C-alpha atoms as a PDB file:
ATOM      1  CA  MET A   1      -0.078   0.598   0.107  1.00  0.00           C
ATOM      2  CA  GLY A   2       2.590   2.443  -0.450  1.00  0.00           C
ATOM      3  CA  GLU A   3       3.227   4.737   1.909  1.00  0.00           C
ATOM      4  CA  TYR A   4      -0.076   4.356   4.506  1.00  0.00           C
ATOM      5  CA  ASP A   5      -0.284   1.341   6.931  1.00  0.00           C
ATOM      6  CA  VAL A   6      -3.807   1.536   7.127  1.00  0.00           C
ATOM      7  CA  VAL A   7      -6.467   2.358   3.638  1.00  0.00           C
ATOM      8  CA  ILE A   8     -10.034   3.288   5.269  1.00  0.00           C
ATOM      9  CA  SER A   9     -11.768   2.707   1.725  1.00  0.00           C
ATOM     10  CA  THR A  10     -15.554   4.426   1.615  1.00  0.00           C
ATOM     11  CA  CYS A  11     -16.134   3.453  -1.605  1.00  0.00           C
ATOM     12  CA  LYS A  12     -14.958   0.254  -4.178  1.00  0.00           C
ATOM     13  CA  PRO A  13     -10.864   0.638  -5.318  1.00  0.00           C
ATOM     14  CA  VAL A  14     -10.349   0.610  -8.637  1.00  0.00           C
ATOM     15  CA  ASP A  15      -6.699   0.916 -10.199  1.00  0.00           C
ATOM     16  CA  ALA A  16      -5.934   3.230 -13.033  1.00  0.00           C
ATOM     17  CA  TYR A  17      -7.852   0.920 -15.742  1.00  0.00           C
ATOM     18  CA  GLY A  18     -11.018   1.242 -13.810  1.00  0.00           C
ATOM     19  CA  CYS A  19     -10.679  -2.565 -11.792  1.00  0.00           C
ATOM     20  CA  SER A  20     -11.328  -3.672  -9.124  1.00  0.00           C
ATOM     21  CA  ALA A  21      -8.480  -3.519  -6.584  1.00  0.00           C
ATOM     22  CA  SER A  22      -9.103  -4.874  -2.877  1.00  0.00           C
ATOM     23  CA  SER A  23      -5.596  -4.872  -2.253  1.00  0.00           C
ATOM     24  CA  PHE A  24      -5.524  -1.457  -1.922  1.00  0.00           C
ATOM     25  CA  THR A  25      -7.411  -1.380   1.161  1.00  0.00           C
ATOM     26  CA  THR A  26      -7.136  -2.252   4.565  1.00  0.00           C
ATOM     27  CA  VAL A  27     -10.530  -1.598   5.740  1.00  0.00           C
ATOM     28  CA  SER A  28     -13.413  -1.357   3.692  1.00  0.00           C
ATOM     29  CA  LEU A  29     -16.724   0.908   5.324  1.00  0.00           C
ATOM     30  CA  MET A  30     -18.791   1.001   2.450  1.00  0.00           C
ATOM     31  CA  PHE A  31     -21.706   3.225   2.237  1.00  0.00           C
ATOM     32  CA  GLU A  32     -23.386   5.856  -0.298  1.00  0.00           C
ATOM     33  CA  ASP A  33     -23.260   9.265  -0.591  1.00  0.00           C
ATOM     34  CA  GLY A  34     -26.628  10.009  -1.434  1.00  0.00           C
ATOM     35  CA  ARG A  35     -25.708  13.892  -0.916  1.00  0.00           C
ATOM     36  CA  GLY A  36     -28.366  15.062   1.771  1.00  0.00           C
ATOM     37  CA  ARG A  37     -31.241  12.867  -0.036  1.00  0.00           C
ATOM     38  CA  GLU A  38     -30.540   9.356   2.344  1.00  0.00           C
ATOM     39  CA  SER A  39     -33.281   7.757   3.693  1.00  0.00           C
ATOM     40  CA  GLY A  40     -33.012   7.604   7.187  1.00  0.00           C
ATOM     41  CA  GLU A  41     -31.820   3.905   7.309  1.00  0.00           C
ATOM     42  CA  GLU A  42     -28.875   5.181   4.975  1.00  0.00           C
ATOM     43  CA  VAL A  43     -28.273   7.926   7.682  1.00  0.00           C
ATOM     44  CA  HIS A  44     -28.267   5.459  10.289  1.00  0.00           C
ATOM     45  CA  VAL A  45     -25.748   3.494   8.354  1.00  0.00           C
ATOM     46  CA  ALA A  46     -23.469   6.372   7.391  1.00  0.00           C
ATOM     47  CA  ARG A  47     -23.192   8.030  11.362  1.00  0.00           C
ATOM     48  CA  LYS A  48     -22.509   4.212  12.326  1.00  0.00           C
ATOM     49  CA  LEU A  49     -19.557   3.704  10.065  1.00  0.00           C
ATOM     50  CA  ILE A  50     -18.416   7.521  10.099  1.00  0.00           C
ATOM     51  CA  SER A  51     -17.801   6.630  13.708  1.00  0.00           C
ATOM     52  CA  LYS A  52     -16.159   3.663  13.104  1.00  0.00           C
ATOM     53  CA  GLY A  53     -13.887   5.111  10.682  1.00  0.00           C
ATOM     54  CA  ALA A  54     -13.152   7.854  12.877  1.00  0.00           C
ATOM     55  CA  SER A  55     -12.343   4.879  15.488  1.00  0.00           C
ATOM     56  CA  ILE A  56      -9.841   3.127  13.328  1.00  0.00           C
ATOM     57  CA  VAL A  57      -8.085   6.732  12.511  1.00  0.00           C
ATOM     58  CA  LYS A  58      -7.670   6.993  16.180  1.00  0.00           C
ATOM     59  CA  GLU A  59      -6.161   3.331  16.654  1.00  0.00           C
ATOM     60  CA  ALA A  60      -3.949   3.929  13.765  1.00  0.00           C
ATOM     61  CA  ILE A  61      -2.409   7.364  14.649  1.00  0.00           C
ATOM     62  CA  ALA A  62      -2.079   5.610  18.714  1.00  0.00           C
ATOM     63  CA  ALA A  63       0.279   3.555  16.992  1.00  0.00           C
ATOM     64  CA  ASP A  64       2.058   5.662  14.681  1.00  0.00           C
ATOM     65  CA  LYS A  65       0.885   4.028  11.563  1.00  0.00           C
ATOM     66  CA  ARG A  66       0.481   6.628   8.458  1.00  0.00           C
ATOM     67  CA  VAL A  67      -3.882   6.537   7.379  1.00  0.00           C
ATOM     68  CA  LEU A  68      -5.442   7.413   4.120  1.00  0.00           C
ATOM     69  CA  VAL A  69      -9.095   7.814   4.103  1.00  0.00           C
ATOM     70  CA  HIS A  70     -10.802   7.849   0.361  1.00  0.00           C
ATOM     71  CA  CYS A  71     -13.949   7.906  -1.480  1.00  0.00           C
ATOM     72  CA  ALA A  72     -14.707   8.548  -4.691  1.00  0.00           C
ATOM     73  CA  TRP A  73     -13.960  12.116  -4.936  1.00  0.00           C
ATOM     74  CA  GLY A  74     -12.650  13.190  -1.427  1.00  0.00           C
ATOM     75  CA  GLN A  75     -15.142  15.808  -0.487  1.00  0.00           C
ATOM     76  CA  ASN A  76     -17.953  13.661   1.663  1.00  0.00           C
ATOM     77  CA  ARG A  77     -17.262  10.189   3.076  1.00  0.00           C
ATOM     78  CA  SER A  78     -13.593  10.287   3.866  1.00  0.00           C
ATOM     79  CA  CYS A  79     -14.262  14.198   4.844  1.00  0.00           C
ATOM     80  CA  SER A  80     -16.931  13.056   7.260  1.00  0.00           C
ATOM     81  CA  ILE A  81     -14.641  10.684   8.426  1.00  0.00           C
ATOM     82  CA  CYS A  82     -11.512  12.713   9.378  1.00  0.00           C
ATOM     83  CA  CYS A  83     -13.664  15.838  10.768  1.00  0.00           C
ATOM     84  CA  ALA A  84     -15.655  13.199  12.961  1.00  0.00           C
ATOM     85  CA  TYR A  85     -11.968  12.101  14.125  1.00  0.00           C
ATOM     86  CA  ALA A  86     -11.240  15.770  14.669  1.00  0.00           C
ATOM     87  CA  VAL A  87     -14.218  16.304  16.345  1.00  0.00           C
ATOM     88  CA  VAL A  88     -14.315  13.480  19.188  1.00  0.00           C
ATOM     89  CA  TYR A  89     -10.879  12.432  19.659  1.00  0.00           C
ATOM     90  CA  LEU A  90      -9.063  15.980  19.273  1.00  0.00           C
ATOM     91  CA  GLY A  91     -12.223  18.155  20.500  1.00  0.00           C
ATOM     92  CA  TRP A  92     -12.425  20.727  17.641  1.00  0.00           C
ATOM     93  CA  SER A  93     -15.045  22.310  17.008  1.00  0.00           C
ATOM     94  CA  ALA A  94     -17.463  21.002  13.825  1.00  0.00           C
ATOM     95  CA  ASN A  95     -16.645  24.369  12.335  1.00  0.00           C
ATOM     96  CA  ASP A  96     -12.612  24.228  12.906  1.00  0.00           C
ATOM     97  CA  ALA A  97     -12.418  20.631  11.566  1.00  0.00           C
ATOM     98  CA  ILE A  98     -14.998  21.633   8.419  1.00  0.00           C
ATOM     99  CA  ASP A  99     -12.727  24.999   8.128  1.00  0.00           C
ATOM    100  CA  TYR A 100      -9.430  22.669   8.506  1.00  0.00           C
ATOM    101  CA  VAL A 101     -10.237  19.722   6.081  1.00  0.00           C
ATOM    102  CA  ARG A 102     -11.779  22.196   3.209  1.00  0.00           C
ATOM    103  CA  GLU A 103      -8.028  24.352   3.371  1.00  0.00           C
ATOM    104  CA  CYS A 104      -6.229  20.939   2.950  1.00  0.00           C
ATOM    105  CA  ASN A 105      -8.537  19.582   0.408  1.00  0.00           C
ATOM    106  CA  ARG A 106      -8.520  22.768  -1.881  1.00  0.00           C
ATOM    107  CA  ARG A 107      -7.099  22.745  -5.101  1.00  0.00           C
ATOM    108  CA  ASP A 108      -5.690  25.791  -6.499  1.00  0.00           C
END
């Protein structure tokens, strides 16, 4: 997995040719990004998996491991896990976590 010890995938990992590449991930937390149109059950599943992802990030960092969290576009699912980690385990405010992720994710 290259430079990362733990790779959390929230979508199906694929290689440069679009072929399935399950070896690219160590943890699979699959949930759909409905962009705000999720059903109640989908919201419940997403919350559960975002919390689980944040916990995995915490455990990996505590073990001095490098972590990559990814989704299809790097805007919703993976960012939600990273923000949840910052809020729950680092004590950041939600707004500070979101602002930080947006700044890091900015494409100039």
